[in-house]
Structure formats: C-alpha cells, structure tokens
Amino acid sequence: MDEYVKLARQTIETYIRENRIITLPDDVPSEMKERRAGAFVSIHKGGSLRGCIGTILATTDCIGEEIIRNAISASTKDPRFPAVTEEELSALDISVDVLGEPEEISSPDELDVKKYGVIVTKGYRRGLLLPDLEGVDTVEDQIAISKYKAGIGQDEEVSLQRFEVIRHH
C-alpha cells in the first residue's frame, strides 16, 4: 500500500475506532516529515464520494501532519456527509493528493482538466477542484463546479489559479 494512503487509513481507522489522533510514525518516508505542502484526503465508498477535505497550502509542519489532520476532517467533518462509522472502514477507498504551489493564470486556456486542478476566487469566496476527476471532462465543467462550491454565480468573473498534484492511491 502507498505510504501516503497507509498513513491516511491508519489515521482514520484509529480516530473512528479509538477517538484518538495518531502521532506521525517514525518510519514514514522522509519527504512526509521534511516537506510542507497542501494535501487533500479523498474517501470513496462503492465508487461514490464519501468525504474530501484538504488544504491548498501547508498549515502544519510537514506533509505527514497535513495528511493526519485532513484524514480526520475528511472522515468526520465534511459537511456533505455524516461521519464515517466503524462498520464502513473496510469498504473505504482512500486517496491522497499532495498539491504543488498554485500559480496565477490569465485564461481558462491555460488549464487542462487531466493535469491541473483549479482554484477560483471572487473576493473572499474561493473554490477548488482537484484535477483528473471522473465525470469532469472539460475546463468549463471544472470552473463551473469550483464556482458552485464557492457560492460564486456562474456569470461572475473570477481570478484563476492552477496547480498540479501528486496523487497517491
């Protein structure tokens, strides 16, 4: 199992079963202890989204801590879903996306739904969509979904940023 996914799964299982937050294990890859980056933890069950929470930029000391924090949030605090139950744990598929630094772009022409995630911003409202998601086949879909998530009207102008991810599953 991928080390990033293993950490997310261990975090979720321990938190749901024991109501305890794990500490970052000593044996994780050095990048997870030494590098800082935003990360998203996505949970699927039976092919359907069951939770997804993340950070655009690093909010903790390292990627490993970012995964631990976001795994707990994805499994218990995603407002779209009830908290994961112990009975569901064995049926969950988990992935971890480590985000690259967002970069400003001037046009949707600079996006590619398979390669880049998108961040849309209008004032204090901001929405993000990860790249290469099933059912998101066009840049227009990607931007529309991001606007919807941020509560931004489809006809409102937005600032655009793109980012790449390393997806672990």
C-alpha atoms as a PDB file:
ATOM      1  CA  MET A   1       0.000   0.000   0.000  1.00  0.00           C
ATOM      2  CA  ASP A   2       1.213   3.522  -0.814  1.00  0.00           C
ATOM      3  CA  GLU A   3       2.755   5.138   2.300  1.00  0.00           C
ATOM      4  CA  TYR A   4       0.607   8.286   1.997  1.00  0.00           C
ATOM      5  CA  VAL A   5      -2.601   6.265   1.763  1.00  0.00           C
ATOM      6  CA  LYS A   6      -1.398   3.964   4.554  1.00  0.00           C
ATOM      7  CA  LEU A   7      -0.983   6.979   6.858  1.00  0.00           C
ATOM      8  CA  ALA A   8      -4.416   8.356   5.949  1.00  0.00           C
ATOM      9  CA  ARG A   9      -6.060   4.953   6.506  1.00  0.00           C
ATOM     10  CA  GLN A  10      -4.279   4.386   9.828  1.00  0.00           C
ATOM     11  CA  THR A  11      -5.348   7.872  10.937  1.00  0.00           C
ATOM     12  CA  ILE A  12      -8.993   7.345  10.004  1.00  0.00           C
ATOM     13  CA  GLU A  13      -9.225   3.847  11.497  1.00  0.00           C
ATOM     14  CA  THR A  14      -7.602   4.899  14.792  1.00  0.00           C
ATOM     15  CA  TYR A  15      -9.711   8.034  15.073  1.00  0.00           C
ATOM     16  CA  ILE A  16     -13.005   6.258  14.310  1.00  0.00           C
ATOM     17  CA  ARG A  17     -12.290   3.171  16.474  1.00  0.00           C
ATOM     18  CA  GLU A  18     -10.468   4.807  19.400  1.00  0.00           C
ATOM     19  CA  ASN A  19     -11.325   8.533  19.111  1.00  0.00           C
ATOM     20  CA  ARG A  20      -7.576   9.164  19.194  1.00  0.00           C
ATOM     21  CA  ILE A  21      -5.320  11.195  16.913  1.00  0.00           C
ATOM     22  CA  ILE A  22      -2.190   9.288  15.950  1.00  0.00           C
ATOM     23  CA  THR A  23       1.277  10.790  16.040  1.00  0.00           C
ATOM     24  CA  LEU A  24       3.324  10.768  12.859  1.00  0.00           C
ATOM     25  CA  PRO A  25       5.071   7.367  12.727  1.00  0.00           C
ATOM     26  CA  ASP A  26       8.882   7.416  12.637  1.00  0.00           C
ATOM     27  CA  ASP A  27       9.023   5.080   9.626  1.00  0.00           C
ATOM     28  CA  VAL A  28       7.202   7.299   7.102  1.00  0.00           C
ATOM     29  CA  PRO A  29       9.212   8.443   4.060  1.00  0.00           C
ATOM     30  CA  SER A  30      11.468  11.425   4.786  1.00  0.00           C
ATOM     31  CA  GLU A  31       9.527  13.672   2.383  1.00  0.00           C
ATOM     32  CA  MET A  32       6.464  13.308   4.613  1.00  0.00           C
ATOM     33  CA  LYS A  33       8.466  14.610   7.600  1.00  0.00           C
ATOM     34  CA  GLU A  34      10.615  17.230   5.863  1.00  0.00           C
ATOM     35  CA  ARG A  35       8.437  18.822   3.178  1.00  0.00           C
ATOM     36  CA  ARG A  36       5.484  21.174   3.647  1.00  0.00           C
ATOM     37  CA  ALA A  37       2.583  21.234   1.179  1.00  0.00           C
ATOM     38  CA  GLY A  38      -1.179  21.346   0.994  1.00  0.00           C
ATOM     39  CA  ALA A  39      -2.858  17.958   0.794  1.00  0.00           C
ATOM     40  CA  PHE A  40      -6.335  16.569   0.177  1.00  0.00           C
ATOM     41  CA  VAL A  41      -7.642  13.295   1.538  1.00  0.00           C
ATOM     42  CA  SER A  42     -10.474  11.802  -0.526  1.00  0.00           C
ATOM     43  CA  ILE A  43     -12.630   8.928   0.664  1.00  0.00           C
ATOM     44  CA  HIS A  44     -14.804   6.849  -1.656  1.00  0.00           C
ATOM     45  CA  LYS A  45     -17.187   4.015  -0.838  1.00  0.00           C
ATOM     46  CA  GLY A  46     -18.641   1.867  -3.596  1.00  0.00           C
ATOM     47  CA  GLY A  47     -17.292   4.280  -6.196  1.00  0.00           C
ATOM     48  CA  SER A  48     -19.079   7.291  -4.686  1.00  0.00           C
ATOM     49  CA  LEU A  49     -17.510  10.176  -2.817  1.00  0.00           C
ATOM     50  CA  ARG A  50     -17.790   9.709   0.955  1.00  0.00           C
ATOM     51  CA  GLY A  51     -15.637  12.628   2.119  1.00  0.00           C
ATOM     52  CA  CYS A  52     -12.965  15.000   0.854  1.00  0.00           C
ATOM     53  CA  ILE A  53     -11.177  17.694   2.826  1.00  0.00           C
ATOM     54  CA  GLY A  54      -7.836  19.332   2.266  1.00  0.00           C
ATOM     55  CA  THR A  55      -5.639  22.358   2.381  1.00  0.00           C
ATOM     56  CA  ILE A  56      -4.448  24.432  -0.543  1.00  0.00           C
ATOM     57  CA  LEU A  57      -1.239  25.427   1.207  1.00  0.00           C
ATOM     58  CA  ALA A  58       0.580  23.857   4.154  1.00  0.00           C
ATOM     59  CA  THR A  59      -0.975  24.570   7.557  1.00  0.00           C
ATOM     60  CA  THR A  60       1.222  22.202   9.580  1.00  0.00           C
ATOM     61  CA  ASP A  61       4.933  21.453   9.904  1.00  0.00           C
ATOM     62  CA  CYS A  62       5.014  18.671   7.285  1.00  0.00           C
ATOM     63  CA  ILE A  63       3.016  16.687   4.734  1.00  0.00           C
ATOM     64  CA  GLY A  64       2.529  13.819   7.195  1.00  0.00           C
ATOM     65  CA  GLU A  65       0.845  16.104   9.727  1.00  0.00           C
ATOM     66  CA  GLU A  66      -1.231  17.639   6.929  1.00  0.00           C
ATOM     67  CA  ILE A  67      -2.459  14.155   5.954  1.00  0.00           C
ATOM     68  CA  ILE A  68      -3.335  13.255   9.554  1.00  0.00           C
ATOM     69  CA  ARG A  69      -5.334  16.453  10.072  1.00  0.00           C
ATOM     70  CA  ASN A  70      -7.140  16.225   6.726  1.00  0.00           C
ATOM     71  CA  ALA A  71      -7.869  12.490   7.021  1.00  0.00           C
ATOM     72  CA  ILE A  72      -9.739  13.114  10.271  1.00  0.00           C
ATOM     73  CA  SER A  73     -11.615  16.033   8.728  1.00  0.00           C
ATOM     74  CA  ALA A  74     -12.498  14.106   5.555  1.00  0.00           C
ATOM     75  CA  SER A  75     -13.881  11.211   7.579  1.00  0.00           C
ATOM     76  CA  THR A  76     -15.748  13.205  10.236  1.00  0.00           C
ATOM     77  CA  LYS A  77     -16.199  16.866   9.249  1.00  0.00           C
ATOM     78  CA  ASP A  78     -17.128  17.011   5.554  1.00  0.00           C
ATOM     79  CA  PRO A  79     -20.477  18.840   5.790  1.00  0.00           C
ATOM     80  CA  ARG A  80     -21.844  16.907   2.806  1.00  0.00           C
ATOM     81  CA  PHE A  81     -21.718  13.560   4.616  1.00  0.00           C
ATOM     82  CA  PRO A  82     -22.274  12.006   8.047  1.00  0.00           C
ATOM     83  CA  ALA A  83     -19.148  10.912   9.898  1.00  0.00           C
ATOM     84  CA  VAL A  84     -17.660   7.588   8.785  1.00  0.00           C
ATOM     85  CA  THR A  85     -18.677   4.694  11.024  1.00  0.00           C
ATOM     86  CA  GLU A  86     -16.573   1.792  12.212  1.00  0.00           C
ATOM     87  CA  GLU A  87     -18.722  -0.583  10.134  1.00  0.00           C
ATOM     88  CA  GLU A  88     -17.729   1.262   6.942  1.00  0.00           C
ATOM     89  CA  LEU A  89     -13.956   1.245   7.450  1.00  0.00           C
ATOM     90  CA  SER A  90     -13.202  -1.918   5.454  1.00  0.00           C
ATOM     91  CA  ALA A  91     -15.222  -0.632   2.462  1.00  0.00           C
ATOM     92  CA  LEU A  92     -13.414   2.698   2.079  1.00  0.00           C
ATOM     93  CA  ASP A  93     -11.096   3.606  -0.786  1.00  0.00           C
ATOM     94  CA  ILE A  94      -8.725   6.408   0.176  1.00  0.00           C
ATOM     95  CA  SER A  95      -6.507   8.646  -1.927  1.00  0.00           C
ATOM     96  CA  VAL A  96      -4.164  11.473  -1.008  1.00  0.00           C
ATOM     97  CA  ASP A  97      -3.327  14.380  -3.302  1.00  0.00           C
ATOM     98  CA  VAL A  98      -0.239  16.434  -2.454  1.00  0.00           C
ATOM     99  CA  LEU A  99      -0.606  19.857  -4.031  1.00  0.00           C
ATOM    100  CA  GLY A 100       2.012  21.799  -5.881  1.00  0.00           C
ATOM    101  CA  GLU A 101       2.243  25.557  -5.435  1.00  0.00           C
ATOM    102  CA  PRO A 102      -0.753  27.342  -7.019  1.00  0.00           C
ATOM    103  CA  GLU A 103       0.093  29.697  -9.893  1.00  0.00           C
ATOM    104  CA  GLU A 104      -1.956  32.594 -11.240  1.00  0.00           C
ATOM    105  CA  ILE A 105      -3.262  32.149 -14.776  1.00  0.00           C
ATOM    106  CA  SER A 106      -4.916  34.690 -17.029  1.00  0.00           C
ATOM    107  CA  SER A 107      -7.214  32.429 -19.021  1.00  0.00           C
ATOM    108  CA  PRO A 108      -9.030  29.082 -18.894  1.00  0.00           C
ATOM    109  CA  ASP A 109      -6.922  28.227 -21.972  1.00  0.00           C
ATOM    110  CA  GLU A 110      -4.058  27.592 -19.538  1.00  0.00           C
ATOM    111  CA  LEU A 111      -5.977  24.763 -17.829  1.00  0.00           C
ATOM    112  CA  ASP A 112      -6.093  21.044 -18.603  1.00  0.00           C
ATOM    113  CA  VAL A 113      -8.607  19.040 -16.510  1.00  0.00           C
ATOM    114  CA  LYS A 114      -6.384  15.969 -16.502  1.00  0.00           C
ATOM    115  CA  LYS A 115      -3.180  17.781 -15.475  1.00  0.00           C
ATOM    116  CA  TYR A 116      -4.213  20.814 -13.396  1.00  0.00           C
ATOM    117  CA  GLY A 117      -6.557  21.472 -10.533  1.00  0.00           C
ATOM    118  CA  VAL A 118      -8.213  24.883 -10.437  1.00  0.00           C
ATOM    119  CA  ILE A 119      -8.858  27.489  -7.773  1.00  0.00           C
ATOM    120  CA  VAL A 120     -11.471  30.166  -8.480  1.00  0.00           C
ATOM    121  CA  THR A 121     -11.592  33.304  -6.351  1.00  0.00           C
ATOM    122  CA  LYS A 122     -14.076  36.153  -6.122  1.00  0.00           C
ATOM    123  CA  GLY A 123     -13.439  38.395  -3.115  1.00  0.00           C
ATOM    124  CA  TYR A 124     -13.369  36.199  -0.023  1.00  0.00           C
ATOM    125  CA  ARG A 125     -15.082  33.266  -1.786  1.00  0.00           C
ATOM    126  CA  ARG A 126     -12.808  30.550  -3.094  1.00  0.00           C
ATOM    127  CA  GLY A 127     -13.455  27.140  -4.614  1.00  0.00           C
ATOM    128  CA  LEU A 128     -11.067  24.374  -5.585  1.00  0.00           C
ATOM    129  CA  LEU A 129     -11.376  21.291  -7.736  1.00  0.00           C
ATOM    130  CA  LEU A 130      -8.688  18.636  -7.984  1.00  0.00           C
ATOM    131  CA  PRO A 131      -7.508  17.501 -11.431  1.00  0.00           C
ATOM    132  CA  ASP A 132      -8.359  14.268 -13.226  1.00  0.00           C
ATOM    133  CA  LEU A 133     -11.711  13.581 -11.573  1.00  0.00           C
ATOM    134  CA  GLU A 134     -14.183  11.122 -13.046  1.00  0.00           C
ATOM    135  CA  GLY A 135     -17.042  12.941 -14.766  1.00  0.00           C
ATOM    136  CA  VAL A 136     -15.177  16.239 -15.080  1.00  0.00           C
ATOM    137  CA  ASP A 137     -14.227  16.242 -18.733  1.00  0.00           C
ATOM    138  CA  THR A 138     -13.938  19.914 -19.708  1.00  0.00           C
ATOM    139  CA  VAL A 139     -12.321  23.050 -18.347  1.00  0.00           C
ATOM    140  CA  GLU A 140     -15.778  24.655 -18.380  1.00  0.00           C
ATOM    141  CA  ASP A 141     -17.104  21.886 -16.092  1.00  0.00           C
ATOM    142  CA  GLN A 142     -14.099  22.250 -13.820  1.00  0.00           C
ATOM    143  CA  ILE A 143     -14.593  26.004 -13.418  1.00  0.00           C
ATOM    144  CA  ALA A 144     -18.393  25.698 -13.044  1.00  0.00           C
ATOM    145  CA  ILE A 145     -18.077  23.108 -10.258  1.00  0.00           C
ATOM    146  CA  SER A 146     -15.434  25.208  -8.492  1.00  0.00           C
ATOM    147  CA  LYS A 147     -17.666  28.287  -8.670  1.00  0.00           C
ATOM    148  CA  TYR A 148     -20.610  26.312  -7.321  1.00  0.00           C
ATOM    149  CA  LYS A 149     -18.535  25.013  -4.387  1.00  0.00           C
ATOM    150  CA  ALA A 150     -17.514  28.588  -3.558  1.00  0.00           C
ATOM    151  CA  GLY A 151     -21.013  30.029  -3.838  1.00  0.00           C
ATOM    152  CA  ILE A 152     -19.967  32.109  -6.845  1.00  0.00           C
ATOM    153  CA  GLY A 153     -22.540  32.718  -9.580  1.00  0.00           C
ATOM    154  CA  GLN A 154     -21.800  31.110 -12.931  1.00  0.00           C
ATOM    155  CA  ASP A 155     -21.805  34.513 -14.655  1.00  0.00           C
ATOM    156  CA  GLU A 156     -19.433  36.160 -12.159  1.00  0.00           C
ATOM    157  CA  GLU A 157     -15.851  36.896 -13.194  1.00  0.00           C
ATOM    158  CA  VAL A 158     -13.223  35.116 -11.100  1.00  0.00           C
ATOM    159  CA  SER A 159      -9.477  35.019 -10.646  1.00  0.00           C
ATOM    160  CA  LEU A 160      -7.992  31.699 -11.684  1.00  0.00           C
ATOM    161  CA  GLN A 161      -5.099  29.688 -10.325  1.00  0.00           C
ATOM    162  CA  ARG A 162      -3.928  26.255 -11.346  1.00  0.00           C
ATOM    163  CA  PHE A 163      -1.894  23.636  -9.548  1.00  0.00           C
ATOM    164  CA  GLU A 164      -0.565  20.156 -10.133  1.00  0.00           C
ATOM    165  CA  VAL A 165      -0.879  17.245  -7.712  1.00  0.00           C
ATOM    166  CA  ILE A 166       0.869  14.023  -6.963  1.00  0.00           C
ATOM    167  CA  ARG A 167      -1.960  11.543  -6.395  1.00  0.00           C
ATOM    168  CA  HIS A 168      -1.439   8.594  -4.102  1.00  0.00           C
ATOM    169  CA  HIS A 169      -3.915   5.688  -4.086  1.00  0.00           C
END
